[in-house]
């Protein structure tokens, strides 16, 4: 496991690599962000953005999503995985927003997780990106990078990874670190064929050193 000084070095290095890391899901308000993140489960941001480009022109409010048959909404997001279930959740969360929150997206993490199709990761993204609340959303990239580097343990659950990162990273850096770890995992420390050979963190990365040793 990395010590405090080593973790600081990793965060600073990744920050230098991706200083402008940000949420890559296109949106113009908190409601659109909730929809986009809900659609992104087991799907790439690139595909979600292709779908939401027309989706957000057609549907602008919770009422809009409830004004069409479920089959029509399913057809609008058909190119996205699990589209039937996601369409159902979108209509359910739209109804709940109208019934409980006056049509507005709640700012509270726990209230967000009460929305159908919104888990802890989605809620963390929304409170961080839409409302500026410090949070670390652990997606597949954040989890993979944290474990490969040795910031977290291999056996840690997603929630344990989140809690470990929150403990080891200053709170005012949670949100920006979340985005930088995603960029690092998405474009450099990839699930398949990570760029270990030119990685500036190779000397500290337990997984990278194993991979390089196998190539010799």
N, C-alpha and C. Protein backbone atom coordinates (compact mmCIF):
# COMPACT_ATOMS: atom_id res chain seq x y z
N UNK A 1 0.84 -1.20 0.00
CA UNK A 1 0.00 0.00 0.00
C UNK A 1 0.88 1.25 0.00
N UNK A 2 0.46 2.27 -0.70
CA UNK A 2 1.22 3.51 -0.76
C UNK A 2 1.06 4.30 0.53
N UNK A 3 2.14 5.00 0.90
CA UNK A 3 2.06 5.86 2.08
C UNK A 3 1.55 7.25 1.67
N UNK A 4 1.40 8.12 2.63
CA UNK A 4 0.82 9.44 2.40
C UNK A 4 1.63 10.24 1.38
N UNK A 5 2.96 10.19 1.49
CA UNK A 5 3.82 10.94 0.57
C UNK A 5 3.69 10.40 -0.85
N UNK A 6 3.63 9.08 -0.99
CA UNK A 6 3.51 8.46 -2.30
C UNK A 6 2.16 8.77 -2.94
N UNK A 7 1.11 8.76 -2.14
CA UNK A 7 -0.22 9.09 -2.66
C UNK A 7 -0.24 10.54 -3.15
N UNK A 8 0.37 11.42 -2.39
CA UNK A 8 0.44 12.82 -2.78
C UNK A 8 1.17 12.97 -4.13
N UNK A 9 2.23 12.23 -4.29
CA UNK A 9 2.99 12.28 -5.54
C UNK A 9 2.12 11.78 -6.70
N UNK A 10 1.38 10.70 -6.48
CA UNK A 10 0.52 10.16 -7.52
C UNK A 10 -0.56 11.16 -7.92
N UNK A 11 -1.19 11.77 -6.93
CA UNK A 11 -2.26 12.73 -7.22
C UNK A 11 -1.72 13.95 -7.96
N UNK A 12 -0.54 14.42 -7.55
CA UNK A 12 0.05 15.58 -8.21
C UNK A 12 0.44 15.26 -9.65
N UNK A 13 0.98 14.06 -9.85
CA UNK A 13 1.40 13.65 -11.20
C UNK A 13 0.20 13.49 -12.12
N UNK A 14 -0.84 12.84 -11.63
CA UNK A 14 -2.05 12.68 -12.43
C UNK A 14 -2.68 14.05 -12.71
N UNK A 15 -2.58 14.94 -11.73
CA UNK A 15 -3.10 16.30 -11.92
C UNK A 15 -2.36 17.04 -13.01
N UNK A 16 -1.06 16.81 -13.11
CA UNK A 16 -0.26 17.43 -14.17
C UNK A 16 -0.61 16.84 -15.53
N UNK A 17 -0.94 15.56 -15.54
CA UNK A 17 -1.30 14.89 -16.80
C UNK A 17 -2.67 15.34 -17.30
N UNK A 18 -3.60 15.53 -16.36
CA UNK A 18 -4.97 15.87 -16.74
C UNK A 18 -5.48 17.05 -15.89
N UNK A 19 -4.89 18.21 -16.08
CA UNK A 19 -5.28 19.38 -15.26
C UNK A 19 -6.71 19.85 -15.53
N UNK A 20 -7.22 19.56 -16.70
CA UNK A 20 -8.54 20.05 -17.07
C UNK A 20 -9.60 18.94 -17.07
N UNK A 21 -9.34 17.87 -16.33
CA UNK A 21 -10.31 16.77 -16.26
C UNK A 21 -11.66 17.27 -15.76
N UNK A 22 -12.72 16.77 -16.37
CA UNK A 22 -14.06 17.25 -16.04
C UNK A 22 -15.08 16.18 -16.39
N UNK A 23 -16.32 16.43 -16.03
CA UNK A 23 -17.41 15.52 -16.40
C UNK A 23 -17.63 15.61 -17.91
N UNK A 24 -17.55 14.48 -18.59
CA UNK A 24 -17.67 14.48 -20.05
C UNK A 24 -19.09 14.21 -20.54
N UNK A 25 -20.03 14.09 -19.62
CA UNK A 25 -21.42 13.94 -20.02
C UNK A 25 -22.02 15.32 -20.30
N UNK A 26 -22.51 15.52 -21.51
CA UNK A 26 -23.09 16.81 -21.89
C UNK A 26 -24.41 17.04 -21.15
N UNK A 27 -24.54 18.22 -20.56
CA UNK A 27 -25.77 18.58 -19.86
C UNK A 27 -25.77 20.09 -19.65
N UNK A 28 -26.95 20.65 -19.40
CA UNK A 28 -27.04 22.09 -19.17
C UNK A 28 -27.71 22.43 -17.84
N UNK A 29 -28.15 21.40 -17.11
CA UNK A 29 -28.77 21.63 -15.81
C UNK A 29 -28.73 20.33 -14.99
N UNK A 30 -29.02 20.40 -13.69
CA UNK A 30 -28.96 19.20 -12.84
C UNK A 30 -29.87 18.06 -13.31
N UNK A 31 -31.05 18.39 -13.82
CA UNK A 31 -31.97 17.34 -14.27
C UNK A 31 -31.37 16.58 -15.45
N UNK A 32 -30.82 17.29 -16.41
CA UNK A 32 -30.19 16.61 -17.55
C UNK A 32 -29.02 15.76 -17.09
N UNK A 33 -28.28 16.24 -16.09
CA UNK A 33 -27.15 15.46 -15.59
C UNK A 33 -27.62 14.16 -14.95
N UNK A 34 -28.70 14.22 -14.18
CA UNK A 34 -29.25 12.99 -13.58
C UNK A 34 -29.62 11.99 -14.66
N UNK A 35 -30.28 12.45 -15.70
CA UNK A 35 -30.68 11.57 -16.80
C UNK A 35 -29.44 10.99 -17.49
N UNK A 36 -28.46 11.84 -17.77
CA UNK A 36 -27.25 11.39 -18.48
C UNK A 36 -26.48 10.36 -17.67
N UNK A 37 -26.31 10.61 -16.38
CA UNK A 37 -25.56 9.66 -15.55
C UNK A 37 -26.32 8.35 -15.41
N UNK A 38 -27.64 8.42 -15.29
CA UNK A 38 -28.44 7.21 -15.21
C UNK A 38 -28.32 6.39 -16.49
N UNK A 39 -28.23 7.06 -17.62
CA UNK A 39 -28.07 6.37 -18.90
C UNK A 39 -26.68 5.78 -19.08
N UNK A 40 -25.70 6.33 -18.37
CA UNK A 40 -24.30 5.95 -18.59
C UNK A 40 -23.91 4.63 -17.94
N UNK A 41 -24.78 4.04 -17.12
CA UNK A 41 -24.45 2.76 -16.49
C UNK A 41 -24.17 1.71 -17.56
N UNK A 42 -22.99 1.08 -17.47
CA UNK A 42 -22.56 0.06 -18.43
C UNK A 42 -22.60 0.58 -19.87
N UNK A 43 -22.23 1.85 -20.03
CA UNK A 43 -22.25 2.48 -21.35
C UNK A 43 -21.22 3.60 -21.36
N UNK A 44 -20.69 3.91 -22.52
CA UNK A 44 -19.67 4.96 -22.61
C UNK A 44 -20.31 6.35 -22.64
N UNK A 45 -19.57 7.32 -22.13
CA UNK A 45 -20.05 8.71 -22.18
C UNK A 45 -20.25 9.18 -23.62
N UNK A 46 -19.41 8.70 -24.51
CA UNK A 46 -19.51 9.10 -25.92
C UNK A 46 -20.86 8.70 -26.50
N UNK A 47 -21.28 7.47 -26.23
CA UNK A 47 -22.58 7.00 -26.75
C UNK A 47 -23.72 7.74 -26.08
N UNK A 48 -23.62 7.96 -24.77
CA UNK A 48 -24.67 8.69 -24.06
C UNK A 48 -24.84 10.09 -24.65
N UNK A 49 -23.73 10.76 -24.93
CA UNK A 49 -23.80 12.12 -25.49
C UNK A 49 -24.45 12.12 -26.88
N UNK A 50 -24.23 11.06 -27.64
CA UNK A 50 -24.88 10.98 -28.96
C UNK A 50 -26.39 10.88 -28.81
N UNK A 51 -26.81 10.12 -27.81
CA UNK A 51 -28.24 9.92 -27.59
C UNK A 51 -28.89 11.16 -26.97
N UNK A 52 -28.23 11.75 -25.99
CA UNK A 52 -28.84 12.89 -25.29
C UNK A 52 -28.86 14.16 -26.14
N UNK A 53 -28.08 14.20 -27.20
CA UNK A 53 -28.10 15.39 -28.06
C UNK A 53 -29.51 15.63 -28.59
N UNK A 54 -30.17 14.58 -29.01
CA UNK A 54 -31.55 14.72 -29.49
C UNK A 54 -32.55 14.54 -28.35
N UNK A 55 -32.20 13.71 -27.39
CA UNK A 55 -33.10 13.44 -26.26
C UNK A 55 -33.42 14.71 -25.49
N UNK A 56 -32.38 15.51 -25.23
CA UNK A 56 -32.58 16.73 -24.43
C UNK A 56 -33.25 17.86 -25.22
N UNK A 57 -33.32 17.70 -26.53
CA UNK A 57 -34.09 18.65 -27.33
C UNK A 57 -35.58 18.31 -27.26
N UNK A 58 -35.85 17.02 -27.16
CA UNK A 58 -37.24 16.55 -27.12
C UNK A 58 -37.85 16.63 -25.73
N UNK A 59 -37.03 16.26 -24.72
CA UNK A 59 -37.51 16.22 -23.34
C UNK A 59 -36.72 17.23 -22.49
N UNK A 60 -37.42 18.18 -21.92
CA UNK A 60 -36.74 19.22 -21.14
C UNK A 60 -37.14 19.22 -19.66
N UNK A 61 -38.23 18.59 -19.33
CA UNK A 61 -38.72 18.58 -17.95
C UNK A 61 -39.20 17.18 -17.58
N UNK A 62 -39.39 16.91 -16.29
CA UNK A 62 -39.96 15.62 -15.89
C UNK A 62 -41.31 15.36 -16.55
N UNK A 63 -42.11 16.42 -16.69
CA UNK A 63 -43.42 16.26 -17.33
C UNK A 63 -43.28 15.74 -18.76
N UNK A 64 -42.24 16.21 -19.46
CA UNK A 64 -42.05 15.78 -20.85
C UNK A 64 -41.82 14.27 -20.94
N UNK A 65 -41.03 13.73 -20.02
CA UNK A 65 -40.75 12.29 -20.05
C UNK A 65 -41.98 11.46 -19.72
N UNK A 66 -42.91 12.06 -18.96
CA UNK A 66 -44.13 11.35 -18.58
C UNK A 66 -45.26 11.51 -19.59
N UNK A 67 -45.03 12.38 -20.57
CA UNK A 67 -46.10 12.69 -21.54
C UNK A 67 -46.14 11.72 -22.71
N UNK A 68 -45.16 10.81 -22.78
CA UNK A 68 -45.10 9.87 -23.91
C UNK A 68 -45.23 8.44 -23.39
N UNK A 69 -45.68 7.52 -24.23
CA UNK A 69 -45.73 6.11 -23.84
C UNK A 69 -44.32 5.60 -23.58
N UNK A 70 -44.18 4.63 -22.70
CA UNK A 70 -42.86 4.09 -22.36
C UNK A 70 -42.16 3.55 -23.61
N UNK A 71 -42.93 3.02 -24.55
CA UNK A 71 -42.35 2.47 -25.78
C UNK A 71 -41.65 3.55 -26.61
N UNK A 72 -42.20 4.75 -26.59
CA UNK A 72 -41.58 5.85 -27.34
C UNK A 72 -40.25 6.26 -26.72
N UNK A 73 -40.24 6.34 -25.39
CA UNK A 73 -39.00 6.68 -24.71
C UNK A 73 -37.96 5.58 -24.90
N UNK A 74 -38.38 4.34 -24.86
CA UNK A 74 -37.47 3.23 -25.11
C UNK A 74 -36.84 3.35 -26.49
N UNK A 75 -37.64 3.70 -27.46
CA UNK A 75 -37.14 3.84 -28.82
C UNK A 75 -36.14 4.99 -28.94
N UNK A 76 -36.35 6.04 -28.17
CA UNK A 76 -35.44 7.20 -28.19
C UNK A 76 -34.06 6.88 -27.63
N UNK A 77 -33.99 5.88 -26.75
CA UNK A 77 -32.69 5.53 -26.15
C UNK A 77 -32.28 4.10 -26.50
N UNK A 78 -32.82 3.57 -27.55
CA UNK A 78 -32.65 2.16 -27.90
C UNK A 78 -31.19 1.76 -28.11
N UNK A 79 -30.36 2.68 -28.56
CA UNK A 79 -28.95 2.34 -28.84
C UNK A 79 -28.13 2.17 -27.57
N UNK A 80 -28.71 2.50 -26.42
CA UNK A 80 -28.00 2.39 -25.14
C UNK A 80 -28.36 1.07 -24.47
N UNK A 81 -27.38 0.42 -23.88
CA UNK A 81 -27.61 -0.84 -23.19
C UNK A 81 -28.63 -0.72 -22.08
N UNK A 82 -29.41 -1.80 -21.88
CA UNK A 82 -30.43 -1.83 -20.83
C UNK A 82 -31.48 -0.73 -21.01
N UNK A 83 -31.77 -0.41 -22.25
CA UNK A 83 -32.62 0.76 -22.53
C UNK A 83 -34.03 0.59 -21.99
N UNK A 84 -34.55 -0.61 -21.95
CA UNK A 84 -35.91 -0.81 -21.43
C UNK A 84 -35.97 -0.44 -19.95
N UNK A 85 -35.04 -0.97 -19.18
CA UNK A 85 -35.02 -0.70 -17.74
C UNK A 85 -34.72 0.77 -17.47
N UNK A 86 -33.83 1.36 -18.26
CA UNK A 86 -33.46 2.76 -18.06
C UNK A 86 -34.64 3.69 -18.40
N UNK A 87 -35.38 3.35 -19.43
CA UNK A 87 -36.55 4.15 -19.77
C UNK A 87 -37.58 4.10 -18.65
N UNK A 88 -37.77 2.92 -18.09
CA UNK A 88 -38.71 2.76 -16.97
C UNK A 88 -38.27 3.60 -15.77
N UNK A 89 -36.97 3.57 -15.47
CA UNK A 89 -36.46 4.34 -14.34
C UNK A 89 -36.58 5.84 -14.57
N UNK A 90 -36.34 6.27 -15.80
CA UNK A 90 -36.44 7.70 -16.11
C UNK A 90 -37.86 8.20 -15.84
N UNK A 91 -38.85 7.42 -16.26
CA UNK A 91 -40.22 7.86 -16.01
C UNK A 91 -40.57 7.80 -14.52
N UNK A 92 -40.07 6.79 -13.83
CA UNK A 92 -40.33 6.69 -12.39
C UNK A 92 -39.69 7.83 -11.62
N UNK A 93 -38.42 8.15 -11.96
CA UNK A 93 -37.75 9.23 -11.23
C UNK A 93 -38.37 10.59 -11.58
N UNK A 94 -38.84 10.72 -12.82
CA UNK A 94 -39.53 11.96 -13.20
C UNK A 94 -40.80 12.15 -12.38
N UNK A 95 -41.54 11.06 -12.19
CA UNK A 95 -42.76 11.13 -11.39
C UNK A 95 -42.44 11.46 -9.94
N UNK A 96 -41.38 10.84 -9.41
CA UNK A 96 -41.00 11.09 -8.02
C UNK A 96 -40.54 12.54 -7.82
N UNK A 97 -39.81 13.06 -8.79
CA UNK A 97 -39.37 14.46 -8.70
C UNK A 97 -40.58 15.39 -8.63
N UNK A 98 -41.61 15.09 -9.40
CA UNK A 98 -42.81 15.92 -9.39
C UNK A 98 -43.59 15.76 -8.08
N UNK A 99 -43.67 14.51 -7.62
CA UNK A 99 -44.46 14.22 -6.41
C UNK A 99 -43.80 14.72 -5.13
N UNK A 100 -42.48 14.60 -5.06
CA UNK A 100 -41.79 14.87 -3.80
C UNK A 100 -40.94 16.14 -3.79
N UNK A 101 -40.50 16.58 -4.98
CA UNK A 101 -39.52 17.67 -5.00
C UNK A 101 -39.90 18.83 -5.91
N UNK A 102 -41.18 18.95 -6.20
CA UNK A 102 -41.62 20.09 -7.02
C UNK A 102 -40.97 20.12 -8.39
N UNK A 103 -40.55 18.96 -8.86
CA UNK A 103 -39.93 18.88 -10.18
C UNK A 103 -38.46 19.22 -10.20
N UNK A 104 -37.90 19.55 -9.03
CA UNK A 104 -36.49 19.94 -8.94
C UNK A 104 -35.63 18.78 -8.44
N UNK A 105 -34.40 18.73 -8.90
CA UNK A 105 -33.47 17.70 -8.45
C UNK A 105 -32.98 18.04 -7.04
N UNK A 106 -33.14 17.13 -6.08
CA UNK A 106 -32.68 17.42 -4.71
C UNK A 106 -31.16 17.52 -4.63
N UNK A 107 -30.70 18.32 -3.69
CA UNK A 107 -29.26 18.52 -3.52
C UNK A 107 -28.66 17.53 -2.53
N UNK A 108 -29.50 16.82 -1.81
CA UNK A 108 -29.04 15.90 -0.78
C UNK A 108 -28.71 14.53 -1.38
N UNK A 109 -27.56 13.99 -1.03
CA UNK A 109 -27.10 12.71 -1.59
C UNK A 109 -28.09 11.58 -1.28
N UNK A 110 -28.56 11.51 -0.04
CA UNK A 110 -29.47 10.44 0.34
C UNK A 110 -30.80 10.55 -0.40
N UNK A 111 -31.28 11.76 -0.58
CA UNK A 111 -32.52 11.95 -1.32
C UNK A 111 -32.34 11.56 -2.79
N UNK A 112 -31.18 11.84 -3.32
CA UNK A 112 -30.91 11.47 -4.71
C UNK A 112 -30.93 9.95 -4.90
N UNK A 113 -30.37 9.23 -3.94
CA UNK A 113 -30.33 7.77 -4.06
C UNK A 113 -31.71 7.14 -3.92
N UNK A 114 -32.70 7.90 -3.50
CA UNK A 114 -34.07 7.40 -3.45
C UNK A 114 -34.72 7.41 -4.82
N UNK A 115 -34.11 8.12 -5.77
CA UNK A 115 -34.66 8.18 -7.11
C UNK A 115 -34.37 6.87 -7.85
N UNK A 116 -35.35 6.31 -8.56
CA UNK A 116 -35.14 5.07 -9.31
C UNK A 116 -33.98 5.19 -10.30
N UNK A 117 -33.10 4.22 -10.30
CA UNK A 117 -31.97 4.22 -11.22
C UNK A 117 -30.81 5.07 -10.79
N UNK A 118 -30.89 5.68 -9.61
CA UNK A 118 -29.82 6.54 -9.11
C UNK A 118 -29.17 5.86 -7.90
N UNK A 119 -27.96 5.38 -8.09
CA UNK A 119 -27.22 4.76 -7.00
C UNK A 119 -26.27 5.76 -6.36
N UNK A 120 -25.42 5.27 -5.49
CA UNK A 120 -24.51 6.15 -4.78
C UNK A 120 -23.54 6.86 -5.72
N UNK A 121 -23.03 6.13 -6.73
CA UNK A 121 -22.09 6.75 -7.66
C UNK A 121 -22.76 7.91 -8.41
N UNK A 122 -23.96 7.65 -8.92
CA UNK A 122 -24.70 8.69 -9.64
C UNK A 122 -24.96 9.89 -8.75
N UNK A 123 -25.37 9.62 -7.52
CA UNK A 123 -25.66 10.71 -6.58
C UNK A 123 -24.41 11.54 -6.30
N UNK A 124 -23.27 10.88 -6.15
CA UNK A 124 -22.02 11.60 -5.91
C UNK A 124 -21.64 12.48 -7.10
N UNK A 125 -21.86 11.97 -8.30
CA UNK A 125 -21.59 12.78 -9.50
C UNK A 125 -22.47 14.01 -9.52
N UNK A 126 -23.74 13.83 -9.23
CA UNK A 126 -24.69 14.95 -9.29
C UNK A 126 -24.38 16.01 -8.25
N UNK A 127 -24.17 15.60 -7.00
CA UNK A 127 -23.92 16.61 -5.96
C UNK A 127 -22.61 17.34 -6.22
N UNK A 128 -21.64 16.63 -6.79
CA UNK A 128 -20.34 17.24 -7.07
C UNK A 128 -20.39 18.17 -8.27
N UNK A 129 -20.86 17.65 -9.39
CA UNK A 129 -20.84 18.40 -10.65
C UNK A 129 -21.92 19.48 -10.70
N UNK A 130 -23.12 19.13 -10.28
CA UNK A 130 -24.24 20.07 -10.40
C UNK A 130 -24.30 21.08 -9.27
N UNK A 131 -23.88 20.65 -8.06
CA UNK A 131 -24.07 21.51 -6.89
C UNK A 131 -22.78 21.89 -6.17
N UNK A 132 -21.64 21.43 -6.66
CA UNK A 132 -20.37 21.84 -6.07
C UNK A 132 -20.09 21.28 -4.70
N UNK A 133 -20.72 20.17 -4.34
CA UNK A 133 -20.49 19.54 -3.04
C UNK A 133 -19.33 18.55 -3.19
N UNK A 134 -18.30 18.62 -2.34
CA UNK A 134 -17.18 17.69 -2.44
C UNK A 134 -17.65 16.23 -2.38
N UNK A 135 -17.24 15.43 -3.36
CA UNK A 135 -17.63 14.03 -3.40
C UNK A 135 -16.69 13.27 -4.32
N UNK A 136 -16.56 11.97 -4.05
CA UNK A 136 -15.77 11.08 -4.90
C UNK A 136 -16.69 9.98 -5.40
N UNK A 137 -16.99 9.99 -6.68
CA UNK A 137 -17.82 8.96 -7.28
C UNK A 137 -16.91 7.85 -7.79
N UNK A 138 -17.08 6.67 -7.28
CA UNK A 138 -16.21 5.56 -7.66
C UNK A 138 -16.85 4.77 -8.80
N UNK A 139 -16.36 5.01 -10.00
CA UNK A 139 -16.78 4.21 -11.15
C UNK A 139 -15.71 3.17 -11.42
N UNK A 140 -15.82 2.47 -12.52
CA UNK A 140 -14.87 1.40 -12.82
C UNK A 140 -13.45 1.91 -12.98
N UNK A 141 -13.29 3.14 -13.51
CA UNK A 141 -11.95 3.70 -13.70
C UNK A 141 -11.31 4.07 -12.37
N UNK A 142 -12.07 4.75 -11.52
CA UNK A 142 -11.56 5.17 -10.21
C UNK A 142 -11.18 3.94 -9.38
N UNK A 143 -12.03 2.94 -9.41
CA UNK A 143 -11.75 1.71 -8.64
C UNK A 143 -10.50 1.02 -9.16
N UNK A 144 -10.39 0.88 -10.47
CA UNK A 144 -9.25 0.18 -11.06
C UNK A 144 -7.93 0.89 -10.76
N UNK A 145 -7.89 2.20 -10.98
CA UNK A 145 -6.66 2.96 -10.75
C UNK A 145 -6.26 2.93 -9.28
N UNK A 146 -7.23 3.10 -8.39
CA UNK A 146 -6.94 3.12 -6.96
C UNK A 146 -6.35 1.80 -6.48
N UNK A 147 -6.85 0.71 -7.05
CA UNK A 147 -6.36 -0.60 -6.64
C UNK A 147 -5.04 -0.94 -7.32
N UNK A 148 -4.89 -0.60 -8.56
CA UNK A 148 -3.63 -0.88 -9.25
C UNK A 148 -2.46 -0.14 -8.60
N UNK A 149 -2.69 1.11 -8.25
CA UNK A 149 -1.61 1.90 -7.65
C UNK A 149 -1.30 1.48 -6.22
N UNK A 150 -2.29 0.89 -5.57
CA UNK A 150 -2.07 0.49 -4.18
C UNK A 150 -2.56 1.53 -3.19
N UNK A 151 -3.43 2.42 -3.64
CA UNK A 151 -4.05 3.37 -2.73
C UNK A 151 -5.11 2.64 -1.90
N UNK A 152 -5.76 1.68 -2.56
CA UNK A 152 -6.77 0.85 -1.91
C UNK A 152 -6.38 -0.63 -2.04
N UNK A 153 -7.07 -1.46 -1.29
CA UNK A 153 -6.79 -2.90 -1.32
C UNK A 153 -7.59 -3.56 -2.44
N UNK A 154 -7.02 -4.64 -2.99
CA UNK A 154 -7.69 -5.35 -4.08
C UNK A 154 -9.06 -5.85 -3.66
N UNK A 155 -9.20 -6.27 -2.41
CA UNK A 155 -10.45 -6.87 -1.95
C UNK A 155 -11.51 -5.83 -1.56
N UNK A 156 -11.15 -4.57 -1.55
CA UNK A 156 -12.09 -3.52 -1.14
C UNK A 156 -13.32 -3.47 -2.05
N UNK A 157 -14.47 -3.28 -1.44
CA UNK A 157 -15.70 -3.05 -2.21
C UNK A 157 -15.68 -1.63 -2.75
N UNK A 158 -16.63 -1.32 -3.62
CA UNK A 158 -16.71 0.04 -4.17
C UNK A 158 -16.89 1.06 -3.05
N UNK A 159 -17.74 0.74 -2.09
CA UNK A 159 -17.96 1.66 -0.97
C UNK A 159 -16.70 1.82 -0.14
N UNK A 160 -15.96 0.73 0.06
CA UNK A 160 -14.71 0.80 0.82
C UNK A 160 -13.67 1.64 0.09
N UNK A 161 -13.64 1.52 -1.23
CA UNK A 161 -12.73 2.35 -2.03
C UNK A 161 -13.08 3.82 -1.84
N UNK A 162 -14.35 4.14 -1.91
CA UNK A 162 -14.78 5.53 -1.73
C UNK A 162 -14.36 6.06 -0.36
N UNK A 163 -14.62 5.28 0.68
CA UNK A 163 -14.28 5.72 2.04
C UNK A 163 -12.78 5.88 2.22
N UNK A 164 -12.00 4.97 1.62
CA UNK A 164 -10.54 5.05 1.72
C UNK A 164 -10.03 6.31 1.03
N UNK A 165 -10.54 6.58 -0.17
CA UNK A 165 -10.12 7.78 -0.90
C UNK A 165 -10.51 9.05 -0.15
N UNK A 166 -11.69 9.05 0.45
CA UNK A 166 -12.13 10.22 1.22
C UNK A 166 -11.23 10.46 2.43
N UNK A 167 -10.71 9.39 2.98
CA UNK A 167 -9.84 9.50 4.15
C UNK A 167 -8.43 9.94 3.76
N UNK A 168 -7.97 9.49 2.59
CA UNK A 168 -6.58 9.75 2.20
C UNK A 168 -6.40 10.99 1.34
N UNK A 169 -7.50 11.57 0.86
CA UNK A 169 -7.43 12.74 -0.01
C UNK A 169 -8.11 13.92 0.69
N UNK A 170 -7.50 15.10 0.69
CA UNK A 170 -8.14 16.27 1.31
C UNK A 170 -9.52 16.53 0.72
N UNK A 171 -10.47 16.90 1.56
CA UNK A 171 -11.85 17.06 1.11
C UNK A 171 -12.00 18.07 -0.03
N UNK A 172 -11.20 19.13 0.01
CA UNK A 172 -11.33 20.14 -1.05
C UNK A 172 -10.78 19.66 -2.39
N UNK A 173 -10.19 18.45 -2.40
CA UNK A 173 -9.68 17.88 -3.65
C UNK A 173 -10.51 16.68 -4.12
N UNK A 174 -11.54 16.32 -3.37
CA UNK A 174 -12.32 15.14 -3.73
C UNK A 174 -12.86 15.19 -5.16
N UNK A 175 -13.54 16.26 -5.49
CA UNK A 175 -14.22 16.34 -6.78
C UNK A 175 -13.25 16.37 -7.95
N UNK A 176 -12.22 17.19 -7.86
CA UNK A 176 -11.26 17.27 -8.96
C UNK A 176 -10.47 15.98 -9.08
N UNK A 177 -10.16 15.33 -7.96
CA UNK A 177 -9.44 14.06 -8.00
C UNK A 177 -10.29 12.99 -8.66
N UNK A 178 -11.57 13.00 -8.36
CA UNK A 178 -12.50 12.05 -8.99
C UNK A 178 -12.40 12.14 -10.51
N UNK A 179 -12.45 13.35 -11.05
CA UNK A 179 -12.38 13.52 -12.50
C UNK A 179 -11.00 13.14 -13.05
N UNK A 180 -9.96 13.48 -12.33
CA UNK A 180 -8.62 13.16 -12.81
C UNK A 180 -8.35 11.67 -12.80
N UNK A 181 -8.83 10.97 -11.80
CA UNK A 181 -8.66 9.51 -11.77
C UNK A 181 -9.44 8.85 -12.90
N UNK A 182 -10.60 9.41 -13.23
CA UNK A 182 -11.38 8.88 -14.36
C UNK A 182 -10.60 9.07 -15.66
N UNK A 183 -10.08 10.26 -15.89
CA UNK A 183 -9.31 10.52 -17.11
C UNK A 183 -8.08 9.62 -17.16
N UNK A 184 -7.40 9.47 -16.05
CA UNK A 184 -6.20 8.63 -15.99
C UNK A 184 -6.56 7.19 -16.34
N UNK A 185 -7.67 6.70 -15.81
CA UNK A 185 -8.09 5.34 -16.09
C UNK A 185 -8.67 5.15 -17.48
N UNK A 186 -9.32 6.17 -17.98
CA UNK A 186 -9.97 6.08 -19.29
C UNK A 186 -8.99 6.20 -20.44
N UNK A 187 -7.97 7.05 -20.27
CA UNK A 187 -7.08 7.34 -21.39
C UNK A 187 -5.64 6.86 -21.21
N UNK A 188 -5.27 6.42 -20.02
CA UNK A 188 -3.88 6.00 -19.79
C UNK A 188 -3.81 4.62 -19.14
N UNK A 189 -4.33 4.51 -17.93
CA UNK A 189 -4.30 3.24 -17.19
C UNK A 189 -5.55 2.45 -17.54
N UNK A 190 -5.67 2.06 -18.79
CA UNK A 190 -6.87 1.42 -19.31
C UNK A 190 -7.04 0.00 -18.76
N UNK A 191 -8.27 -0.48 -18.82
CA UNK A 191 -8.54 -1.84 -18.34
C UNK A 191 -7.75 -2.85 -19.16
N UNK A 192 -7.74 -2.66 -20.46
CA UNK A 192 -6.96 -3.50 -21.37
C UNK A 192 -5.81 -2.66 -21.95
N UNK A 193 -4.65 -3.24 -21.99
CA UNK A 193 -3.47 -2.56 -22.54
C UNK A 193 -3.17 -1.20 -21.90
N UNK A 194 -2.99 -1.17 -20.58
CA UNK A 194 -2.59 0.09 -19.93
C UNK A 194 -1.21 0.51 -20.43
N UNK A 195 -0.96 1.81 -20.45
CA UNK A 195 0.29 2.32 -21.01
C UNK A 195 1.40 2.35 -19.95
N UNK A 196 1.73 1.16 -19.46
CA UNK A 196 2.72 1.06 -18.37
C UNK A 196 4.10 1.55 -18.80
N UNK A 197 4.47 1.27 -20.07
CA UNK A 197 5.82 1.59 -20.52
C UNK A 197 6.16 3.07 -20.38
N UNK A 198 5.19 3.94 -20.62
CA UNK A 198 5.45 5.37 -20.52
C UNK A 198 4.74 6.03 -19.35
N UNK A 199 4.42 5.23 -18.34
CA UNK A 199 3.70 5.78 -17.19
C UNK A 199 4.67 6.40 -16.18
N UNK A 200 4.47 7.64 -15.80
CA UNK A 200 5.35 8.30 -14.83
C UNK A 200 5.20 7.74 -13.42
N UNK A 201 4.19 6.90 -13.21
CA UNK A 201 3.96 6.32 -11.88
C UNK A 201 4.38 4.86 -11.80
N UNK A 202 5.06 4.38 -12.83
CA UNK A 202 5.41 2.96 -12.89
C UNK A 202 6.19 2.49 -11.67
N UNK A 203 7.13 3.29 -11.20
CA UNK A 203 7.96 2.88 -10.06
C UNK A 203 7.15 2.67 -8.79
N UNK A 204 5.98 3.30 -8.71
CA UNK A 204 5.14 3.16 -7.52
C UNK A 204 3.99 2.18 -7.72
N UNK A 205 3.76 1.77 -8.96
CA UNK A 205 2.58 0.97 -9.29
C UNK A 205 2.86 -0.52 -9.18
N UNK A 206 2.23 -1.18 -8.24
CA UNK A 206 2.47 -2.61 -8.04
C UNK A 206 1.99 -3.42 -9.24
N UNK A 207 0.86 -3.03 -9.81
CA UNK A 207 0.33 -3.75 -10.95
C UNK A 207 1.20 -3.52 -12.18
N UNK A 208 1.63 -2.28 -12.39
CA UNK A 208 2.46 -1.97 -13.55
C UNK A 208 3.78 -2.70 -13.53
N UNK A 209 4.40 -2.80 -12.35
CA UNK A 209 5.68 -3.50 -12.24
C UNK A 209 5.51 -4.99 -12.53
N UNK A 210 4.40 -5.56 -12.12
CA UNK A 210 4.13 -6.96 -12.42
C UNK A 210 3.98 -7.17 -13.92
N UNK A 211 3.25 -6.27 -14.54
CA UNK A 211 3.02 -6.38 -15.98
C UNK A 211 4.32 -6.26 -16.76
N UNK A 212 5.15 -5.32 -16.38
CA UNK A 212 6.42 -5.11 -17.07
C UNK A 212 7.36 -6.28 -16.85
N UNK A 213 7.33 -6.89 -15.67
CA UNK A 213 8.20 -8.03 -15.38
C UNK A 213 7.83 -9.22 -16.26
N UNK A 214 6.55 -9.37 -16.53
CA UNK A 214 6.10 -10.49 -17.39
C UNK A 214 6.55 -10.32 -18.83
N UNK A 215 6.80 -9.07 -19.23
CA UNK A 215 7.19 -8.82 -20.62
C UNK A 215 8.68 -9.07 -20.87
N UNK A 216 9.44 -9.19 -19.78
CA UNK A 216 10.88 -9.37 -19.94
C UNK A 216 11.22 -10.81 -20.30
